[in-house]
Amino acid sequence: VGRSTVSNATYFAFEVGSKISLLNGTAEINVAVFYTTFDDLQVSIFDGTLGFNVGNGSAEVRGLELEGRWQATDSLYLFGSFAYLDFEWSKYFGQCYYNPPPALVVPPNCNYEGSTNQLNPEITAVIGADFRRPLGDALELRTSLDVNYTDKFLTSLTLDPNSAQSGYAKVNARIALASQ
């Protein structure tokens, strides 16, 4: 549990978790749930031309993180993680650039209460494996493969569906020859 002030923003954070060792210490599972509130969180939105409009808001963030790893054999190491993130503005009035309500002020302010923030995918996950195999007395073959998944998210706080990044998976692979 913590409470602090960063750049005029005040936040309260609560996290509880557990680390569990399994299979005679060859495997481990970690789990954590968290809850954070922000007051006066500063937000910058590009105005579409040359500048940024800055405002402050309040938000609630909650989530779950789960990760695990297992040394399956002397040569094979498996790992994975999963995260769920729920960011919600509890109070934020910012300028509208997408579908603004009729108003005399251009651009008018929009109420973003209940909306998510930019760059906050709801789900992220990773699964992968590392494999090492001795090659003689001095060298080792090292290979790794992992898949990273990121759920869809908004790239701009304006809630413009054209600014949404679709969910995607990224595959990383590596082969190396190294000294033992």
C-alpha atoms as a PDB file:
ATOM      1  CA  VAL A   1       0.000   0.000   0.000  1.00  0.00           C
ATOM      2  CA  GLY A   2       1.398   3.397  -0.868  1.00  0.00           C
ATOM      3  CA  ARG A   3       0.400   7.016  -1.241  1.00  0.00           C
ATOM      4  CA  SER A   4       2.606   9.561  -2.924  1.00  0.00           C
ATOM      5  CA  THR A   5       2.754  12.662  -5.065  1.00  0.00           C
ATOM      6  CA  VAL A   6       4.519  12.700  -8.436  1.00  0.00           C
ATOM      7  CA  SER A   7       4.530  15.849 -10.609  1.00  0.00           C
ATOM      8  CA  ASN A   8       1.520  17.262  -8.713  1.00  0.00           C
ATOM      9  CA  ALA A   9      -0.397  14.013  -9.227  1.00  0.00           C
ATOM     10  CA  THR A  10      -1.405  12.165  -6.092  1.00  0.00           C
ATOM     11  CA  TYR A  11      -1.856   8.441  -6.200  1.00  0.00           C
ATOM     12  CA  PHE A  12      -2.820   5.620  -3.883  1.00  0.00           C
ATOM     13  CA  ALA A  13      -1.644   2.110  -4.725  1.00  0.00           C
ATOM     14  CA  PHE A  14      -2.539  -1.264  -3.250  1.00  0.00           C
ATOM     15  CA  GLU A  15      -1.072  -4.561  -4.411  1.00  0.00           C
ATOM     16  CA  VAL A  16      -1.226  -8.074  -3.035  1.00  0.00           C
ATOM     17  CA  GLY A  17       0.457 -11.103  -4.499  1.00  0.00           C
ATOM     18  CA  SER A  18       2.078 -14.444  -3.962  1.00  0.00           C
ATOM     19  CA  LYS A  19       5.109 -16.362  -5.200  1.00  0.00           C
ATOM     20  CA  ILE A  20       4.627 -20.110  -5.284  1.00  0.00           C
ATOM     21  CA  SER A  21       7.445 -22.586  -5.798  1.00  0.00           C
ATOM     22  CA  LEU A  22       6.476 -25.939  -7.350  1.00  0.00           C
ATOM     23  CA  LEU A  23       8.018 -29.211  -8.531  1.00  0.00           C
ATOM     24  CA  ASN A  24      10.923 -29.228  -6.066  1.00  0.00           C
ATOM     25  CA  GLY A  25      11.844 -25.640  -6.941  1.00  0.00           C
ATOM     26  CA  THR A  26      12.045 -26.162 -10.714  1.00  0.00           C
ATOM     27  CA  ALA A  27       8.874 -24.151 -11.305  1.00  0.00           C
ATOM     28  CA  GLU A  28       7.518 -20.888  -9.961  1.00  0.00           C
ATOM     29  CA  ILE A  29       4.189 -19.111 -10.304  1.00  0.00           C
ATOM     30  CA  ASN A  30       3.722 -15.473  -9.312  1.00  0.00           C
ATOM     31  CA  VAL A  31       0.353 -13.783  -9.071  1.00  0.00           C
ATOM     32  CA  ALA A  32      -0.536 -10.200  -8.136  1.00  0.00           C
ATOM     33  CA  VAL A  33      -3.678  -8.077  -8.112  1.00  0.00           C
ATOM     34  CA  PHE A  34      -3.479  -4.315  -7.847  1.00  0.00           C
ATOM     35  CA  TYR A  35      -5.598  -1.205  -7.508  1.00  0.00           C
ATOM     36  CA  THR A  36      -4.384   2.371  -8.005  1.00  0.00           C
ATOM     37  CA  THR A  37      -6.141   5.746  -7.979  1.00  0.00           C
ATOM     38  CA  PHE A  38      -4.737   8.956  -9.417  1.00  0.00           C
ATOM     39  CA  ASP A  39      -5.806  12.535  -8.704  1.00  0.00           C
ATOM     40  CA  ASP A  40      -4.529  15.409 -10.875  1.00  0.00           C
ATOM     41  CA  LEU A  41      -2.939  13.024 -13.382  1.00  0.00           C
ATOM     42  CA  GLN A  42      -1.535  15.193 -16.170  1.00  0.00           C
ATOM     43  CA  VAL A  43      -2.528  14.296 -19.732  1.00  0.00           C
ATOM     44  CA  SER A  44      -1.243  15.702 -23.018  1.00  0.00           C
ATOM     45  CA  ILE A  45      -3.217  15.416 -26.256  1.00  0.00           C
ATOM     46  CA  PHE A  46      -1.778  16.406 -29.616  1.00  0.00           C
ATOM     47  CA  ASP A  47      -4.013  19.109 -31.107  1.00  0.00           C
ATOM     48  CA  GLY A  48      -3.594  17.845 -34.660  1.00  0.00           C
ATOM     49  CA  THR A  49      -1.462  20.760 -35.815  1.00  0.00           C
ATOM     50  CA  LEU A  50       1.547  22.020 -33.846  1.00  0.00           C
ATOM     51  CA  GLY A  51       0.891  21.714 -30.134  1.00  0.00           C
ATOM     52  CA  PHE A  52      -0.333  19.728 -27.199  1.00  0.00           C
ATOM     53  CA  ASN A  53      -3.241  20.504 -24.896  1.00  0.00           C
ATOM     54  CA  VAL A  54      -2.593  19.597 -21.293  1.00  0.00           C
ATOM     55  CA  GLY A  55      -5.230  18.761 -18.678  1.00  0.00           C
ATOM     56  CA  ASN A  56      -5.524  16.951 -15.371  1.00  0.00           C
ATOM     57  CA  GLY A  57      -7.881  14.159 -14.434  1.00  0.00           C
ATOM     58  CA  SER A  58      -8.582  11.428 -11.928  1.00  0.00           C
ATOM     59  CA  ALA A  59      -8.464   7.722 -12.731  1.00  0.00           C
ATOM     60  CA  GLU A  60      -8.797   4.245 -11.285  1.00  0.00           C
ATOM     61  CA  VAL A  61      -6.563   1.428 -12.464  1.00  0.00           C
ATOM     62  CA  ARG A  62      -7.010  -2.198 -11.497  1.00  0.00           C
ATOM     63  CA  GLY A  63      -5.496  -5.359 -12.780  1.00  0.00           C
ATOM     64  CA  LEU A  64      -4.081  -8.818 -12.454  1.00  0.00           C
ATOM     65  CA  GLU A  65      -0.646 -10.164 -13.324  1.00  0.00           C
ATOM     66  CA  LEU A  66       0.243 -13.844 -13.564  1.00  0.00           C
ATOM     67  CA  GLU A  67       3.628 -15.223 -14.559  1.00  0.00           C
ATOM     68  CA  GLY A  68       5.310 -18.570 -14.437  1.00  0.00           C
ATOM     69  CA  ARG A  69       8.519 -20.305 -15.324  1.00  0.00           C
ATOM     70  CA  TRP A  70       9.647 -23.913 -15.353  1.00  0.00           C
ATOM     71  CA  GLN A  71      13.051 -25.506 -15.794  1.00  0.00           C
ATOM     72  CA  ALA A  72      11.555 -28.562 -17.530  1.00  0.00           C
ATOM     73  CA  THR A  73      14.924 -30.246 -18.186  1.00  0.00           C
ATOM     74  CA  ASP A  74      18.575 -29.261 -17.864  1.00  0.00           C
ATOM     75  CA  SER A  75      18.307 -27.858 -21.387  1.00  0.00           C
ATOM     76  CA  LEU A  76      14.707 -26.574 -21.606  1.00  0.00           C
ATOM     77  CA  TYR A  77      13.307 -23.537 -19.790  1.00  0.00           C
ATOM     78  CA  LEU A  78       9.633 -22.549 -20.336  1.00  0.00           C
ATOM     79  CA  PHE A  79       8.047 -19.243 -19.325  1.00  0.00           C
ATOM     80  CA  GLY A  80       4.855 -17.256 -19.718  1.00  0.00           C
ATOM     81  CA  SER A  81       2.943 -14.293 -18.383  1.00  0.00           C
ATOM     82  CA  PHE A  82      -0.542 -12.796 -18.565  1.00  0.00           C
ATOM     83  CA  ALA A  83      -1.706  -9.330 -17.541  1.00  0.00           C
ATOM     84  CA  TYR A  84      -5.155  -7.776 -17.354  1.00  0.00           C
ATOM     85  CA  LEU A  85      -5.350  -3.969 -17.058  1.00  0.00           C
ATOM     86  CA  ASP A  86      -8.501  -1.912 -16.534  1.00  0.00           C
ATOM     87  CA  PHE A  87      -7.867   1.852 -16.698  1.00  0.00           C
ATOM     88  CA  GLU A  88     -10.909   4.081 -16.266  1.00  0.00           C
ATOM     89  CA  TRP A  89     -11.142   7.848 -16.016  1.00  0.00           C
ATOM     90  CA  SER A  90     -13.227   8.754 -12.962  1.00  0.00           C
ATOM     91  CA  LYS A  91     -12.998  12.469 -13.809  1.00  0.00           C
ATOM     92  CA  TYR A  92     -11.485  14.011 -16.904  1.00  0.00           C
ATOM     93  CA  PHE A  93     -12.704  16.808 -19.140  1.00  0.00           C
ATOM     94  CA  GLY A  94     -10.493  17.248 -22.178  1.00  0.00           C
ATOM     95  CA  GLN A  95     -10.685  18.706 -25.614  1.00  0.00           C
ATOM     96  CA  CYS A  96     -12.675  16.809 -28.217  1.00  0.00           C
ATOM     97  CA  TYR A  97     -11.171  16.052 -31.589  1.00  0.00           C
ATOM     98  CA  TYR A  98     -13.362  13.126 -32.566  1.00  0.00           C
ATOM     99  CA  ASN A  99     -17.150  13.470 -32.784  1.00  0.00           C
ATOM    100  CA  PRO A 100     -17.328  16.630 -30.628  1.00  0.00           C
ATOM    101  CA  PRO A 101     -20.675  17.768 -29.209  1.00  0.00           C
ATOM    102  CA  PRO A 102     -22.117  21.007 -30.617  1.00  0.00           C
ATOM    103  CA  ALA A 103     -20.703  23.941 -28.670  1.00  0.00           C
ATOM    104  CA  LEU A 104     -19.553  27.508 -29.042  1.00  0.00           C
ATOM    105  CA  VAL A 105     -15.992  26.642 -27.987  1.00  0.00           C
ATOM    106  CA  VAL A 106     -13.855  25.055 -30.690  1.00  0.00           C
ATOM    107  CA  PRO A 107     -12.748  22.439 -29.918  1.00  0.00           C
ATOM    108  CA  PRO A 108     -15.221  21.868 -27.073  1.00  0.00           C
ATOM    109  CA  ASN A 109     -14.424  19.893 -23.930  1.00  0.00           C
ATOM    110  CA  CYS A 110     -15.574  16.281 -23.704  1.00  0.00           C
ATOM    111  CA  ASN A 111     -16.346  14.289 -20.594  1.00  0.00           C
ATOM    112  CA  TYR A 112     -14.084  11.216 -20.730  1.00  0.00           C
ATOM    113  CA  GLU A 113     -15.451   9.756 -17.477  1.00  0.00           C
ATOM    114  CA  GLY A 114     -15.700   5.970 -17.758  1.00  0.00           C
ATOM    115  CA  SER A 115     -13.338   5.861 -20.759  1.00  0.00           C
ATOM    116  CA  THR A 116      -9.964   4.209 -20.953  1.00  0.00           C
ATOM    117  CA  ASN A 117      -6.678   6.006 -21.457  1.00  0.00           C
ATOM    118  CA  GLN A 118      -4.445   5.898 -24.486  1.00  0.00           C
ATOM    119  CA  LEU A 119      -1.815   3.163 -24.839  1.00  0.00           C
ATOM    120  CA  ASN A 120      -3.528   0.804 -22.358  1.00  0.00           C
ATOM    121  CA  PRO A 121      -4.230  -2.623 -23.818  1.00  0.00           C
ATOM    122  CA  GLU A 122      -6.585  -4.639 -21.620  1.00  0.00           C
ATOM    123  CA  ILE A 123      -4.724  -7.933 -22.158  1.00  0.00           C
ATOM    124  CA  THR A 124      -1.037  -8.645 -22.708  1.00  0.00           C
ATOM    125  CA  ALA A 125       0.597 -12.065 -22.659  1.00  0.00           C
ATOM    126  CA  VAL A 126       3.878 -13.817 -23.401  1.00  0.00           C
ATOM    127  CA  ILE A 127       4.737 -17.480 -23.817  1.00  0.00           C
ATOM    128  CA  GLY A 128       8.137 -18.807 -24.687  1.00  0.00           C
ATOM    129  CA  ALA A 129      10.956 -21.302 -24.380  1.00  0.00           C
ATOM    130  CA  ASP A 130      14.747 -21.259 -24.119  1.00  0.00           C
ATOM    131  CA  PHE A 131      16.783 -24.301 -25.117  1.00  0.00           C
ATOM    132  CA  ARG A 132      20.517 -24.837 -24.519  1.00  0.00           C
ATOM    133  CA  ARG A 133      22.591 -27.747 -25.769  1.00  0.00           C
ATOM    134  CA  PRO A 134      26.345 -28.273 -25.231  1.00  0.00           C
ATOM    135  CA  LEU A 135      28.417 -28.643 -28.399  1.00  0.00           C
ATOM    136  CA  GLY A 136      31.643 -30.261 -27.293  1.00  0.00           C
ATOM    137  CA  ASP A 137      33.527 -29.042 -24.225  1.00  0.00           C
ATOM    138  CA  ALA A 138      33.636 -25.320 -24.964  1.00  0.00           C
ATOM    139  CA  LEU A 139      30.575 -24.294 -26.978  1.00  0.00           C
ATOM    140  CA  GLU A 140      26.855 -24.192 -26.403  1.00  0.00           C
ATOM    141  CA  LEU A 141      23.944 -23.853 -28.823  1.00  0.00           C
ATOM    142  CA  ARG A 142      21.311 -21.471 -27.471  1.00  0.00           C
ATOM    143  CA  THR A 143      17.874 -21.070 -29.028  1.00  0.00           C
ATOM    144  CA  SER A 144      14.856 -19.140 -27.857  1.00  0.00           C
ATOM    145  CA  LEU A 145      11.356 -18.559 -29.136  1.00  0.00           C
ATOM    146  CA  ASP A 146       8.594 -16.430 -27.666  1.00  0.00           C
ATOM    147  CA  VAL A 147       5.242 -15.031 -28.707  1.00  0.00           C
ATOM    148  CA  ASN A 148       4.082 -11.672 -27.321  1.00  0.00           C
ATOM    149  CA  TYR A 149       0.410 -10.727 -27.553  1.00  0.00           C
ATOM    150  CA  THR A 150      -0.983  -7.216 -27.087  1.00  0.00           C
ATOM    151  CA  ASP A 151      -4.738  -6.570 -27.112  1.00  0.00           C
ATOM    152  CA  LYS A 152      -6.241  -3.675 -29.065  1.00  0.00           C
ATOM    153  CA  PHE A 153      -5.746  -0.192 -27.604  1.00  0.00           C
ATOM    154  CA  LEU A 154      -6.261   3.459 -28.433  1.00  0.00           C
ATOM    155  CA  THR A 155      -3.223   5.411 -29.575  1.00  0.00           C
ATOM    156  CA  SER A 156      -4.954   8.708 -28.737  1.00  0.00           C
ATOM    157  CA  LEU A 157      -7.156   9.758 -25.836  1.00  0.00           C
ATOM    158  CA  THR A 158      -9.654  11.321 -28.239  1.00  0.00           C
ATOM    159  CA  LEU A 159     -11.532   7.969 -28.517  1.00  0.00           C
ATOM    160  CA  ASP A 160     -11.325   8.203 -32.300  1.00  0.00           C
ATOM    161  CA  PRO A 161     -11.779   4.623 -33.581  1.00  0.00           C
ATOM    162  CA  ASN A 162      -9.380   5.475 -36.416  1.00  0.00           C
ATOM    163  CA  SER A 163      -6.631   5.813 -33.785  1.00  0.00           C
ATOM    164  CA  ALA A 164      -7.147   2.273 -32.458  1.00  0.00           C
ATOM    165  CA  GLN A 165      -4.296  -0.181 -32.774  1.00  0.00           C
ATOM    166  CA  SER A 166      -5.615  -3.668 -33.479  1.00  0.00           C
ATOM    167  CA  GLY A 167      -4.482  -6.500 -31.270  1.00  0.00           C
ATOM    168  CA  TYR A 168      -1.382  -8.276 -32.523  1.00  0.00           C
ATOM    169  CA  ALA A 169       1.084 -11.029 -31.767  1.00  0.00           C
ATOM    170  CA  LYS A 170       4.815 -10.687 -32.254  1.00  0.00           C
ATOM    171  CA  VAL A 171       7.117 -13.705 -32.615  1.00  0.00           C
ATOM    172  CA  ASN A 172      10.759 -13.479 -31.562  1.00  0.00           C
ATOM    173  CA  ALA A 173      13.308 -16.185 -32.340  1.00  0.00           C
ATOM    174  CA  ARG A 174      17.020 -16.408 -31.679  1.00  0.00           C
ATOM    175  CA  ILE A 175      19.811 -18.869 -32.404  1.00  0.00           C
ATOM    176  CA  ALA A 176      23.248 -18.304 -30.888  1.00  0.00           C
ATOM    177  CA  LEU A 177      26.529 -20.092 -30.542  1.00  0.00           C
ATOM    178  CA  ALA A 178      28.292 -19.198 -27.297  1.00  0.00           C
ATOM    179  CA  SER A 179      30.960 -20.399 -24.932  1.00  0.00           C
ATOM    180  CA  GLN A 180      29.812 -22.534 -22.033  1.00  0.00           C
END
